[in-house]
Amino acid sequence: MSNLGFQAMYRLFNDLDYVVCERAFLPSSEDMAEFERTNTPLFSLESQRPLAGFDIIAFSISFEEDYLNILKIFDLAGIPFLSSERDTAKPLIMAGGVAASLNPEPIVDFFDLFAIGEGEEFVPEFSDAFRAARYKAKEDLLQAMVQVEGVYIPDFYHIAYQGNFIERIQAIKGAPQKVKSRKAKNLNASPVPASNILTNETNFRNTYLLEVERGCGRGCRFCAAGFIYLPPRERDFTILRDEVLKSMEFTGKVGFVGAAVSEYQDLKLLSKAVIENGGELTLSSLRLDVMDREMLGLLRQGGYKTITIAPEAGSERLRDVINKRISEQDIVESIALISEAGIQKLKLYFMIGFPTETLGDIEAVVSLVLKIKMVTQGGLITLSINPFIPKPSTPFQWCAYEDVKSLRNKMEIMQQRLKNEKGIKLSFLSPREGYIQTLLSVGDRRVGKILVGAYKRGWKDALKDAGPEINFRVKDFSEILPWDFIDTGLKKEYLWKEYQRALKGQTTPPCRGPRAELWSGRCTRCGVCIA
């Protein structure tokens, strides 16, 4: 329930007077045992109607790790896994969300259609089209829905393979050759995605989350959110302030959400609106190079006890490769300011396995952490170390996932160097888990059978049977990628150019800015503003 995309879609559908949208969730392990013992079909939260009784079942998918949970929901609902085995139009089963919009191919076998991109303008158009065609046979219904921009119907695309490669992607049955990813040009024209439903049973207990901006112009080359949500867009301060004041009627905790919250131009004013009304404050992301004493003081007043930052790489050389344009001196000095502000807990995020990385870059992580420790005045530092996972629609989409043994070796080096340092706590994402995430992130539609195998027999056995669909090699510009049928507005040539600049250690300046008036078609660098 903390997912704002989920809550936004729930609100957008229910704002239509001819739609009733209800919620359903994968049960907890305790409740799941009872569902299975009693053979009770999974039902909705509001009316307790079995899922199979609805016209549409729509999944909001933010993370590839949830793919196995989708199959569990199908199982509990008594719905066949494969779209090809569901010959009736009801329920129509669809998916949206960032994971589905980046690369739906690993899960296309399970869904009738996908909503690609942002939902504000899509939902009413989709709902009108469905209402007009809802009583048609499944094939005719899908034929009607493909006319809606942003709809992707896997059955309307033929994929030809040649060994490890995709030979061609061919649209059929009147589908567009490229599916245009939907974007909301004016965020102020739609309701603010916010926590309209509060609960203490989520990661952000009784916290009113609201989206203050969307997209990030910094251009970190590994970051999907930094590219698919281009251009950066902000919401009007007065609209957000009114949302903050409204939230105070229900809870004293407010969280600002976005890919680059700390760069929102009215962040200080909005933070003051929370604090002056007695509220606590949390932000989804912080950049060290835009933090100053005033902002840190506001965070402290807003109840901040822990700050999370992401240097991502230990050496300045490797930060240039990933386009994280911040020096070691700036990092250390900014963290000293954080400590001086009285915020004594620090979470640091790093990735390993970036292209061109050496063991010297791993040692640089250790060195940087020790320098940070010296300026934190005895505070607690939690290090989160994750393998780099290539993501679609980024300059690093052509990269390979590093060998699991090599990643484990790098993690062992860091653990040995830091194990005796008091006040430093390390956590690692397993390289094997990263391997699976990469498969689900950049795989093609042949991965679907591996997912079914993993659900039934576990990942170990499923991966033994895998063939060319596990394809983690470095790719070439001329190669057809599984998600190439999606038109995000980004020029593929631009992403490739950024990849080549990365390999040379060259940085690229940020996108010109988040203000809506800058999105006027004048910039032609990446292609989004002229798409």
Protein backbone atom coordinates (compact mmCIF):
# COMPACT_ATOMS: atom_id res chain seq x y z
CA MET A 1 0.00 0.00 0.00
CA SER A 2 2.98 2.37 0.24
CA ASN A 3 3.34 2.25 -3.56
CA LEU A 4 2.14 5.60 -4.91
CA GLY A 5 1.71 4.26 -8.43
CA PHE A 6 -0.68 1.63 -7.11
CA GLN A 7 -2.64 4.20 -5.11
CA ALA A 8 -2.71 6.65 -8.03
CA MET A 9 -4.20 4.05 -10.38
CA TYR A 10 -6.75 3.04 -7.74
CA ARG A 11 -7.86 6.65 -7.51
CA LEU A 12 -7.82 7.34 -11.27
CA PHE A 13 -10.02 4.33 -12.03
CA ASN A 14 -12.46 5.09 -9.22
CA ASP A 15 -12.72 8.73 -10.30
CA LEU A 16 -14.56 7.45 -13.39
CA ASP A 17 -18.28 7.19 -12.63
CA TYR A 18 -18.67 3.94 -14.59
CA VAL A 19 -15.76 2.08 -12.95
CA VAL A 20 -15.54 0.34 -9.59
CA CYS A 21 -11.93 -0.51 -8.75
CA GLU A 22 -11.12 -2.72 -5.77
CA ARG A 23 -7.83 -3.91 -4.27
CA ALA A 24 -6.36 -7.36 -3.80
CA PHE A 25 -3.03 -8.44 -2.34
CA LEU A 26 -0.92 -11.54 -1.99
CA PRO A 27 -1.80 -12.81 1.50
CA SER A 28 0.71 -13.06 4.32
CA SER A 29 2.29 -16.48 4.81
CA GLU A 30 -0.10 -17.21 7.70
CA ASP A 31 -3.19 -16.23 5.72
CA MET A 32 -1.92 -18.03 2.62
CA ALA A 33 -1.80 -21.32 4.50
CA GLU A 34 -5.47 -20.84 5.39
CA PHE A 35 -6.41 -20.01 1.78
CA GLU A 36 -4.70 -23.19 0.61
CA ARG A 37 -6.13 -25.36 3.40
CA THR A 38 -9.71 -24.26 2.71
CA ASN A 39 -9.26 -23.97 -1.07
CA THR A 40 -10.68 -20.44 -0.87
CA PRO A 41 -10.19 -18.41 -4.05
CA LEU A 42 -8.35 -15.11 -3.61
CA PHE A 43 -10.80 -12.22 -3.25
CA SER A 44 -10.85 -8.43 -3.23
CA LEU A 45 -10.46 -6.36 -0.09
CA GLU A 46 -13.57 -4.21 -0.51
CA SER A 47 -16.34 -6.62 -1.55
CA GLN A 48 -14.64 -10.00 -1.01
CA ARG A 49 -15.53 -10.93 -4.57
CA PRO A 50 -13.28 -13.65 -6.08
CA LEU A 51 -10.78 -12.14 -8.50
CA ALA A 52 -11.99 -14.32 -11.35
CA GLY A 53 -15.36 -12.56 -11.12
CA PHE A 54 -14.05 -9.13 -12.19
CA ASP A 55 -13.97 -7.76 -15.73
CA ILE A 56 -10.30 -6.78 -15.41
CA ILE A 57 -7.46 -7.83 -13.13
CA ALA A 58 -4.72 -5.17 -13.27
CA PHE A 59 -1.31 -5.68 -11.67
CA SER A 60 0.94 -2.78 -10.68
CA ILE A 61 4.50 -4.14 -10.92
CA SER A 62 7.40 -2.07 -9.63
CA PHE A 63 10.03 -4.77 -9.13
CA GLU A 64 11.05 -7.82 -11.12
CA GLU A 65 11.40 -9.77 -7.86
CA ASP A 66 7.58 -9.81 -7.67
CA TYR A 67 7.18 -11.93 -10.80
CA LEU A 68 6.89 -15.20 -8.88
CA ASN A 69 4.28 -13.58 -6.64
CA ILE A 70 2.17 -12.94 -9.74
CA LEU A 71 2.05 -16.68 -10.40
CA LYS A 72 1.11 -17.31 -6.77
CA ILE A 73 -1.79 -14.87 -7.10
CA PHE A 74 -2.95 -16.68 -10.24
CA ASP A 75 -2.73 -19.97 -8.37
CA LEU A 76 -4.74 -18.70 -5.39
CA ALA A 77 -7.34 -17.14 -7.70
CA GLY A 78 -7.77 -20.35 -9.71
CA ILE A 79 -6.68 -18.63 -12.93
CA PRO A 80 -4.51 -20.43 -15.53
CA PHE A 81 -0.99 -18.99 -15.75
CA LEU A 82 -0.86 -18.64 -19.53
CA SER A 83 -2.90 -16.13 -21.50
CA SER A 84 -3.17 -18.73 -24.27
CA GLU A 85 -5.05 -21.02 -21.86
CA ARG A 86 -7.61 -18.33 -21.02
CA ASP A 87 -9.91 -18.33 -24.03
CA THR A 88 -12.58 -16.00 -22.65
CA ALA A 89 -12.36 -12.22 -22.46
CA LYS A 90 -13.13 -12.09 -18.75
CA PRO A 91 -11.26 -11.38 -16.74
CA LEU A 92 -8.91 -9.42 -18.96
CA ILE A 93 -5.53 -9.61 -17.21
CA MET A 94 -3.17 -6.67 -17.64
CA ALA A 95 -0.09 -5.18 -16.03
CA GLY A 96 1.53 -1.78 -15.69
CA GLY A 97 4.13 -0.13 -13.50
CA VAL A 98 7.78 0.64 -14.00
CA ALA A 99 9.03 -2.96 -14.32
CA ALA A 100 6.36 -3.81 -16.88
CA SER A 101 7.05 -0.59 -18.79
CA LEU A 102 10.81 -1.15 -18.94
CA ASN A 103 10.69 -4.70 -20.30
CA PRO A 104 7.50 -6.77 -20.14
CA GLU A 105 8.93 -9.62 -22.25
CA PRO A 106 9.85 -12.08 -19.44
CA ILE A 107 6.20 -12.14 -18.31
CA VAL A 108 4.26 -11.72 -21.57
CA ASP A 109 3.03 -15.32 -21.47
CA PHE A 110 0.94 -14.53 -18.40
CA PHE A 111 -0.83 -11.31 -19.46
CA ASP A 112 -3.33 -10.34 -22.13
CA LEU A 113 -2.01 -6.80 -22.40
CA PHE A 114 0.30 -4.23 -20.81
CA ALA A 115 -0.04 -0.53 -20.09
CA ILE A 116 3.29 1.05 -21.04
CA GLY A 117 4.27 4.30 -19.33
CA GLU A 118 2.48 6.74 -17.05
CA GLY A 119 -1.19 6.37 -16.22
CA GLU A 120 -2.73 9.83 -15.82
CA GLU A 121 -3.91 10.20 -19.42
CA PHE A 122 -3.95 6.48 -20.18
CA VAL A 123 -6.56 5.36 -17.63
CA PRO A 124 -9.59 7.29 -18.97
CA GLU A 125 -8.77 6.44 -22.60
CA PHE A 126 -8.27 2.77 -21.79
CA SER A 127 -11.44 2.60 -19.70
CA ASP A 128 -13.56 4.22 -22.42
CA ALA A 129 -12.24 1.77 -25.01
CA PHE A 130 -12.86 -1.21 -22.74
CA ARG A 131 -16.40 -0.11 -21.93
CA ALA A 132 -17.20 0.11 -25.65
CA ALA A 133 -15.82 -3.37 -26.39
CA ARG A 134 -16.33 -5.26 -23.11
CA TYR A 135 -18.88 -7.75 -24.45
CA LYS A 136 -16.82 -8.79 -27.47
CA ALA A 137 -14.95 -12.08 -27.80
CA LYS A 138 -11.39 -11.98 -26.50
CA GLU A 139 -9.70 -11.56 -29.89
CA ASP A 140 -12.09 -8.76 -30.89
CA LEU A 141 -11.71 -7.08 -27.51
CA LEU A 142 -7.92 -7.06 -27.83
CA GLN A 143 -8.24 -5.74 -31.39
CA ALA A 144 -10.21 -2.80 -30.01
CA MET A 145 -7.80 -2.16 -27.13
CA VAL A 146 -4.69 -2.05 -29.32
CA GLN A 147 -5.93 1.26 -30.71
CA VAL A 148 -5.24 2.92 -27.34
CA GLU A 149 -1.80 4.53 -27.25
CA GLY A 150 0.42 2.77 -24.73
CA VAL A 151 -1.32 -0.61 -24.99
CA TYR A 152 0.99 -3.53 -25.73
CA ILE A 153 -0.63 -6.85 -26.67
CA PRO A 154 2.07 -9.55 -26.84
CA ASP A 155 0.02 -11.80 -29.13
CA PHE A 156 0.08 -9.04 -31.73
CA TYR A 157 3.88 -9.21 -32.07
CA HIS A 158 5.87 -12.02 -33.65
CA ILE A 159 9.41 -12.49 -32.32
CA ALA A 160 11.89 -14.44 -34.47
CA TYR A 161 15.00 -15.80 -32.74
CA GLN A 162 18.31 -16.97 -34.11
CA GLY A 163 20.24 -18.64 -31.27
CA ASN A 164 21.06 -16.00 -28.66
CA PHE A 165 19.83 -13.19 -30.87
CA ILE A 166 16.47 -11.68 -31.75
CA GLU A 167 16.27 -11.68 -35.54
CA ARG A 168 13.22 -9.43 -35.81
CA ILE A 169 10.17 -8.07 -33.98
CA GLN A 170 7.17 -7.92 -36.30
CA ALA A 171 3.88 -6.24 -35.42
CA ILE A 172 0.79 -8.03 -36.75
CA LYS A 173 -3.00 -7.63 -36.63
CA GLY A 174 -2.84 -3.86 -37.01
CA ALA A 175 -0.66 -3.24 -33.95
CA PRO A 176 1.85 -0.37 -34.11
CA GLN A 177 5.45 -1.38 -34.82
CA LYS A 178 6.47 0.76 -31.84
CA VAL A 179 4.41 1.05 -28.64
CA LYS A 180 4.61 4.63 -27.41
CA SER A 181 5.27 4.91 -23.68
CA ARG A 182 2.74 7.33 -22.19
CA LYS A 183 3.95 10.46 -20.40
CA ALA A 184 2.01 13.14 -18.55
CA LYS A 185 3.22 16.51 -19.84
CA ASN A 186 1.59 18.60 -17.15
CA LEU A 187 1.62 16.96 -13.72
CA ASN A 188 -0.50 19.77 -12.29
CA ALA A 189 -3.42 18.77 -14.53
CA SER A 190 -3.92 15.49 -12.63
CA PRO A 191 -4.45 14.64 -8.95
CA VAL A 192 -1.26 14.37 -6.92
CA PRO A 193 -0.26 10.72 -6.40
CA ALA A 194 -0.56 10.49 -2.64
CA SER A 195 -1.32 8.06 0.19
CA ASN A 196 -5.09 8.42 0.13
CA ILE A 197 -5.25 5.20 2.14
CA LEU A 198 -3.11 5.09 5.30
CA THR A 199 -2.21 1.97 7.26
CA ASN A 200 0.32 0.91 9.88
CA GLU A 201 0.98 -2.36 8.04
CA THR A 202 3.38 -1.01 5.40
CA ASN A 203 7.02 0.05 5.20
CA PHE A 204 6.00 3.69 5.76
CA ARG A 205 3.59 3.32 8.66
CA ASN A 206 0.87 5.97 8.70
CA THR A 207 2.99 8.22 6.50
CA TYR A 208 1.28 10.45 3.97
CA LEU A 209 3.45 10.08 0.88
CA LEU A 210 3.09 12.47 -2.03
CA GLU A 211 4.91 12.85 -5.32
CA VAL A 212 6.54 16.28 -5.60
CA GLU A 213 8.34 15.73 -8.90
CA ARG A 214 8.88 13.07 -11.53
CA GLY A 215 12.07 12.22 -13.33
CA CYS A 216 15.70 13.15 -12.82
CA GLY A 217 17.96 15.05 -15.18
CA ARG A 218 21.29 13.99 -13.70
CA GLY A 219 21.79 11.17 -16.19
CA CYS A 220 23.35 8.47 -14.00
CA ARG A 221 23.98 5.89 -16.70
CA PHE A 222 22.80 2.85 -14.74
CA CYS A 223 19.52 4.34 -13.52
CA ALA A 224 16.28 3.41 -15.29
CA ALA A 225 14.21 6.02 -13.42
CA GLY A 226 16.65 8.67 -14.58
CA PHE A 227 15.89 7.94 -18.23
CA ILE A 228 12.38 6.56 -18.70
CA TYR A 229 10.83 9.44 -16.71
CA LEU A 230 12.61 12.16 -18.69
CA PRO A 231 12.10 15.05 -18.89
CA PRO A 232 12.13 16.05 -15.21
CA ARG A 233 8.82 17.62 -14.19
CA GLU A 234 7.75 19.39 -11.01
CA ARG A 235 4.42 19.99 -9.29
CA ASP A 236 3.27 23.44 -8.29
CA PHE A 237 4.15 24.41 -4.72
CA THR A 238 0.66 25.65 -3.83
CA ILE A 239 -0.91 22.35 -4.90
CA LEU A 240 1.57 20.38 -2.81
CA ARG A 241 1.24 22.69 0.19
CA ASP A 242 -2.54 22.16 0.15
CA GLU A 243 -1.94 18.39 0.06
CA VAL A 244 0.42 18.68 3.05
CA LEU A 245 -2.12 20.68 5.06
CA LYS A 246 -4.86 18.19 4.18
CA SER A 247 -2.67 15.30 5.32
CA MET A 248 -2.26 16.85 8.78
CA GLU A 249 -5.89 15.98 9.48
CA PHE A 250 -5.01 12.29 9.34
CA THR A 251 -1.36 11.86 10.30
CA GLY A 252 1.65 13.79 11.48
CA LYS A 253 4.08 12.06 9.13
CA VAL A 254 4.64 13.29 5.58
CA GLY A 255 6.99 11.88 2.95
CA PHE A 256 8.07 13.52 -0.30
CA VAL A 257 8.58 11.10 -3.19
CA GLY A 258 10.33 11.46 -6.53
CA ALA A 259 13.44 10.45 -8.42
CA ALA A 260 15.21 13.71 -7.48
CA VAL A 261 13.31 15.13 -4.51
CA SER A 262 16.26 17.10 -3.16
CA GLU A 263 16.32 19.11 -6.39
CA TYR A 264 12.68 20.21 -6.17
CA GLN A 265 12.90 24.00 -6.38
CA ASP A 266 10.51 24.67 -3.47
CA LEU A 267 11.69 21.84 -1.22
CA LYS A 268 12.59 24.13 1.68
CA LEU A 269 9.23 25.92 1.59
CA LEU A 270 7.37 22.62 1.43
CA SER A 271 9.44 21.19 4.29
CA LYS A 272 8.65 24.26 6.39
CA ALA A 273 4.93 23.72 5.74
CA VAL A 274 5.24 20.27 7.33
CA ILE A 275 7.38 21.39 10.28
CA GLU A 276 5.36 24.53 11.08
CA ASN A 277 2.27 22.35 11.40
CA GLY A 278 3.98 19.97 13.81
CA GLY A 279 4.68 17.21 11.31
CA GLU A 280 7.53 14.78 10.80
CA LEU A 281 9.30 14.69 7.47
CA THR A 282 10.90 12.06 5.24
CA LEU A 283 12.37 12.28 1.74
CA SER A 284 12.78 9.43 -0.74
CA SER A 285 16.17 10.57 -2.04
CA LEU A 286 18.92 13.06 -1.24
CA ARG A 287 21.85 14.34 -3.27
CA LEU A 288 24.82 15.50 -1.25
CA ASP A 289 25.75 18.28 -3.65
CA VAL A 290 22.46 20.13 -3.12
CA MET A 291 22.36 19.82 0.67
CA ASP A 292 23.20 22.91 2.75
CA ARG A 293 23.00 23.84 6.43
CA GLU A 294 19.51 25.28 6.13
CA MET A 295 18.09 22.14 4.50
CA LEU A 296 19.84 19.87 6.97
CA GLY A 297 18.43 21.95 9.81
CA LEU A 298 14.94 21.50 8.40
CA LEU A 299 15.45 17.75 8.16
CA ARG A 300 16.60 17.67 11.77
CA GLN A 301 13.55 19.69 12.87
CA GLY A 302 11.39 17.31 10.85
CA GLY A 303 12.55 14.37 12.93
CA TYR A 304 15.27 13.01 10.66
CA LYS A 305 17.50 10.54 12.48
CA THR A 306 18.97 8.72 9.48
CA ILE A 307 20.05 10.07 6.10
CA THR A 308 20.44 7.80 3.09
CA ILE A 309 22.83 8.76 0.32
CA ALA A 310 24.24 6.93 -2.69
CA PRO A 311 27.84 7.61 -3.74
CA GLU A 312 27.44 4.41 -5.85
CA ALA A 313 31.19 4.08 -6.56
CA GLY A 314 34.30 4.55 -4.44
CA SER A 315 36.63 6.24 -6.92
CA GLU A 316 36.07 9.50 -8.72
CA ARG A 317 37.17 7.79 -11.94
CA LEU A 318 34.36 5.24 -11.70
CA ARG A 319 31.84 7.89 -10.66
CA ASP A 320 32.71 9.67 -13.91
CA VAL A 321 32.05 6.42 -15.79
CA ILE A 322 28.55 6.19 -14.33
CA ASN A 323 28.06 9.99 -14.63
CA LYS A 324 27.71 10.49 -10.88
CA ARG A 325 29.38 13.88 -11.02
CA ILE A 326 30.55 14.44 -7.43
CA SER A 327 34.06 14.54 -6.02
CA GLU A 328 35.37 12.70 -2.98
CA GLN A 329 36.00 16.03 -1.26
CA ASP A 330 32.37 17.09 -1.80
CA ILE A 331 31.13 13.76 -0.41
CA VAL A 332 33.24 13.95 2.75
CA GLU A 333 32.53 17.65 3.39
CA SER A 334 28.78 17.18 2.88
CA ILE A 335 28.68 14.25 5.29
CA ALA A 336 30.58 16.34 7.83
CA LEU A 337 27.77 18.92 7.55
CA ILE A 338 25.20 16.17 8.12
CA SER A 339 27.01 15.10 11.28
CA GLU A 340 27.27 18.70 12.49
CA ALA A 341 23.51 19.03 12.02
CA GLY A 342 23.05 16.30 14.62
CA ILE A 343 22.01 13.49 12.28
CA GLN A 344 24.12 10.59 13.49
CA LYS A 345 22.90 7.64 11.41
CA LEU A 346 24.02 7.28 7.84
CA LYS A 347 23.11 4.76 5.13
CA LEU A 348 25.45 4.53 2.17
CA TYR A 349 24.58 2.76 -1.08
CA PHE A 350 27.28 1.42 -3.38
CA MET A 351 27.20 -0.84 -6.44
CA ILE A 352 29.88 -3.20 -7.66
CA GLY A 353 30.32 -4.71 -11.10
CA PHE A 354 30.10 -1.52 -13.15
CA PRO A 355 31.80 -1.56 -16.57
CA THR A 356 35.56 -0.78 -16.39
CA GLU A 357 35.62 -1.48 -12.61
CA THR A 358 38.90 -2.77 -11.16
CA LEU A 359 39.94 -4.03 -7.73
CA GLY A 360 41.38 -0.57 -7.20
CA ASP A 361 37.83 0.81 -7.36
CA ILE A 362 36.79 -1.71 -4.70
CA GLU A 363 39.63 -0.58 -2.44
CA ALA A 364 38.46 3.00 -3.10
CA VAL A 365 35.07 2.15 -1.58
CA VAL A 366 36.81 1.03 1.61
CA SER A 367 39.00 4.13 1.64
CA LEU A 368 36.03 6.46 1.12
CA VAL A 369 34.00 4.78 3.86
CA LEU A 370 36.88 5.17 6.33
CA LYS A 371 37.21 8.86 5.47
CA ILE A 372 33.47 9.26 5.98
CA LYS A 373 33.73 7.51 9.34
CA MET A 374 36.32 10.06 10.48
CA VAL A 375 33.86 12.97 10.02
CA THR A 376 30.71 11.32 11.41
CA GLN A 377 31.62 11.92 15.07
CA GLY A 378 30.91 8.37 16.17
CA GLY A 379 27.66 7.89 14.29
CA LEU A 380 26.44 4.58 12.88
CA ILE A 381 27.18 3.88 9.21
CA THR A 382 25.22 1.19 7.38
CA LEU A 383 26.72 0.12 4.05
CA SER A 384 24.49 -1.49 1.42
CA ILE A 385 26.50 -3.15 -1.36
CA ASN A 386 24.57 -4.35 -4.42
CA PRO A 387 25.69 -5.86 -7.72
CA PHE A 388 25.13 -3.66 -10.75
CA ILE A 389 22.14 -4.95 -12.73
CA PRO A 390 21.79 -3.73 -16.35
CA LYS A 391 18.47 -1.98 -16.96
CA PRO A 392 16.58 -1.39 -20.22
CA SER A 393 16.43 2.10 -21.73
CA THR A 394 19.67 3.20 -20.07
CA PRO A 395 23.17 3.70 -21.53
CA PHE A 396 24.22 0.54 -19.67
CA GLN A 397 21.52 -1.64 -21.27
CA TRP A 398 24.25 -3.18 -23.47
CA CYS A 399 26.39 -4.22 -20.48
CA ALA A 400 26.88 -7.70 -19.08
CA TYR A 401 26.24 -8.85 -15.52
CA GLU A 402 29.56 -9.61 -13.85
CA ASP A 403 30.53 -13.18 -13.05
CA VAL A 404 29.07 -14.31 -9.71
CA LYS A 405 32.44 -15.54 -8.40
CA SER A 406 34.08 -12.22 -9.22
CA LEU A 407 31.35 -10.31 -7.38
CA ARG A 408 31.68 -12.56 -4.34
CA ASN A 409 35.42 -11.93 -4.31
CA LYS A 410 34.88 -8.17 -4.32
CA MET A 411 32.36 -8.42 -1.49
CA GLU A 412 34.81 -10.55 0.50
CA ILE A 413 37.53 -7.91 0.07
CA MET A 414 35.27 -5.20 1.47
CA GLN A 415 34.09 -7.39 4.31
CA GLN A 416 37.66 -8.25 5.33
CA ARG A 417 38.80 -4.62 5.17
CA LEU A 418 35.93 -3.31 7.28
CA LYS A 419 35.03 -6.16 9.63
CA ASN A 420 36.95 -4.73 12.59
CA GLU A 421 35.71 -1.16 12.16
CA LYS A 422 33.33 -0.21 14.95
CA GLY A 423 30.23 1.69 13.95
CA ILE A 424 30.13 0.24 10.42
CA LYS A 425 27.54 -2.34 9.43
CA LEU A 426 27.60 -4.07 6.03
CA SER A 427 24.80 -5.67 4.04
CA PHE A 428 25.12 -7.33 0.63
CA LEU A 429 22.65 -8.40 -2.03
CA SER A 430 23.61 -11.94 -3.01
CA PRO A 431 25.32 -12.07 -6.43
CA ARG A 432 23.06 -15.03 -7.22
CA GLU A 433 19.99 -12.89 -6.51
CA GLY A 434 21.46 -10.22 -8.74
CA TYR A 435 21.94 -12.86 -11.44
CA ILE A 436 18.24 -13.73 -11.27
CA GLN A 437 17.24 -10.06 -11.25
CA THR A 438 19.33 -9.51 -14.38
CA LEU A 439 17.58 -12.41 -16.10
CA LEU A 440 14.21 -10.85 -15.27
CA SER A 441 15.36 -7.33 -16.12
CA VAL A 442 16.89 -7.81 -19.57
CA GLY A 443 15.54 -11.23 -20.60
CA ASP A 444 13.27 -11.92 -23.57
CA ARG A 445 9.93 -13.71 -23.66
CA ARG A 446 11.60 -17.14 -23.49
CA VAL A 447 12.23 -16.41 -19.79
CA GLY A 448 8.56 -17.09 -19.06
CA LYS A 449 9.04 -20.84 -19.00
CA ILE A 450 11.94 -20.42 -16.55
CA LEU A 451 9.64 -18.42 -14.26
CA VAL A 452 7.03 -21.18 -14.30
CA GLY A 453 9.77 -23.71 -13.55
CA ALA A 454 11.11 -21.57 -10.70
CA TYR A 455 7.62 -21.28 -9.24
CA LYS A 456 7.05 -25.03 -9.35
CA ARG A 457 10.54 -26.39 -8.60
CA GLY A 458 12.66 -23.49 -7.35
CA TRP A 459 15.27 -21.36 -9.10
CA LYS A 460 18.10 -23.88 -8.88
CA ASP A 461 16.31 -26.54 -10.90
CA ALA A 462 14.71 -24.04 -13.27
CA LEU A 463 18.05 -22.48 -14.21
CA LYS A 464 19.55 -25.90 -14.96
CA ASP A 465 17.07 -26.31 -17.82
CA ALA A 466 17.67 -22.84 -19.25
CA GLY A 467 19.18 -22.26 -22.68
CA PRO A 468 19.89 -19.20 -24.84
CA GLU A 469 17.43 -17.06 -22.88
CA ILE A 470 20.16 -16.58 -20.25
CA ASN A 471 22.17 -14.08 -22.19
CA PHE A 472 24.42 -11.85 -20.10
CA ARG A 473 27.08 -11.00 -22.67
CA VAL A 474 28.04 -7.48 -23.72
CA LYS A 475 25.78 -6.48 -26.61
CA ASP A 476 26.37 -4.43 -29.73
CA PHE A 477 24.45 -1.38 -30.96
CA SER A 478 23.14 -3.24 -34.01
CA GLU A 479 21.56 -5.98 -31.90
CA ILE A 480 17.78 -5.99 -31.44
CA LEU A 481 17.02 -5.81 -27.73
CA PRO A 482 13.86 -7.42 -26.30
CA TRP A 483 12.34 -4.02 -25.40
CA ASP A 484 13.21 -2.24 -28.66
CA PHE A 485 9.54 -2.18 -29.64
CA ILE A 486 8.89 0.36 -26.83
CA ASP A 487 9.21 4.01 -27.83
CA THR A 488 10.20 5.93 -24.68
CA GLY A 489 11.12 8.99 -26.73
CA LEU A 490 14.80 8.38 -26.03
CA LYS A 491 16.96 8.03 -29.12
CA LYS A 492 18.81 4.71 -29.11
CA GLU A 493 21.75 6.52 -30.70
CA TYR A 494 21.89 8.89 -27.73
CA LEU A 495 21.99 6.03 -25.22
CA TRP A 496 24.76 4.34 -27.22
CA LYS A 497 26.72 7.59 -27.35
CA GLU A 498 26.40 7.87 -23.56
CA TYR A 499 27.62 4.28 -23.21
CA GLN A 500 30.69 5.06 -25.31
CA ARG A 501 31.36 8.22 -23.28
CA ALA A 502 31.16 6.07 -20.14
CA LEU A 503 33.80 3.68 -21.42
CA LYS A 504 36.07 6.69 -21.99
CA GLY A 505 35.34 8.11 -18.51
CA GLN A 506 33.65 11.19 -19.95
CA THR A 507 30.81 12.90 -18.05
CA THR A 508 27.71 14.56 -19.49
CA PRO A 509 26.01 17.68 -18.05
CA PRO A 510 22.54 17.26 -16.53
CA CYS A 511 19.28 17.79 -18.40
CA ARG A 512 18.44 21.49 -18.27
CA GLY A 513 16.02 21.35 -15.42
CA PRO A 514 12.78 20.11 -13.90
CA ARG A 515 10.56 23.14 -14.53
CA ALA A 516 7.61 22.41 -16.78
CA GLU A 517 8.24 25.47 -18.99
CA LEU A 518 11.59 24.02 -20.10
CA TRP A 519 9.82 21.07 -21.70
CA SER A 520 9.05 23.01 -24.85
CA GLY A 521 10.78 21.09 -27.60
CA ARG A 522 13.87 23.30 -27.77
CA CYS A 523 16.32 20.61 -26.58
CA THR A 524 17.08 17.77 -28.99
CA ARG A 525 19.85 15.99 -27.06
CA CYS A 526 18.16 12.75 -25.98
CA GLY A 527 15.00 12.93 -28.10
CA VAL A 528 12.37 13.00 -25.36
CA CYS A 529 11.44 16.66 -25.75
CA ILE A 530 10.83 16.30 -29.48
CA ALA A 531 9.09 12.91 -29.32
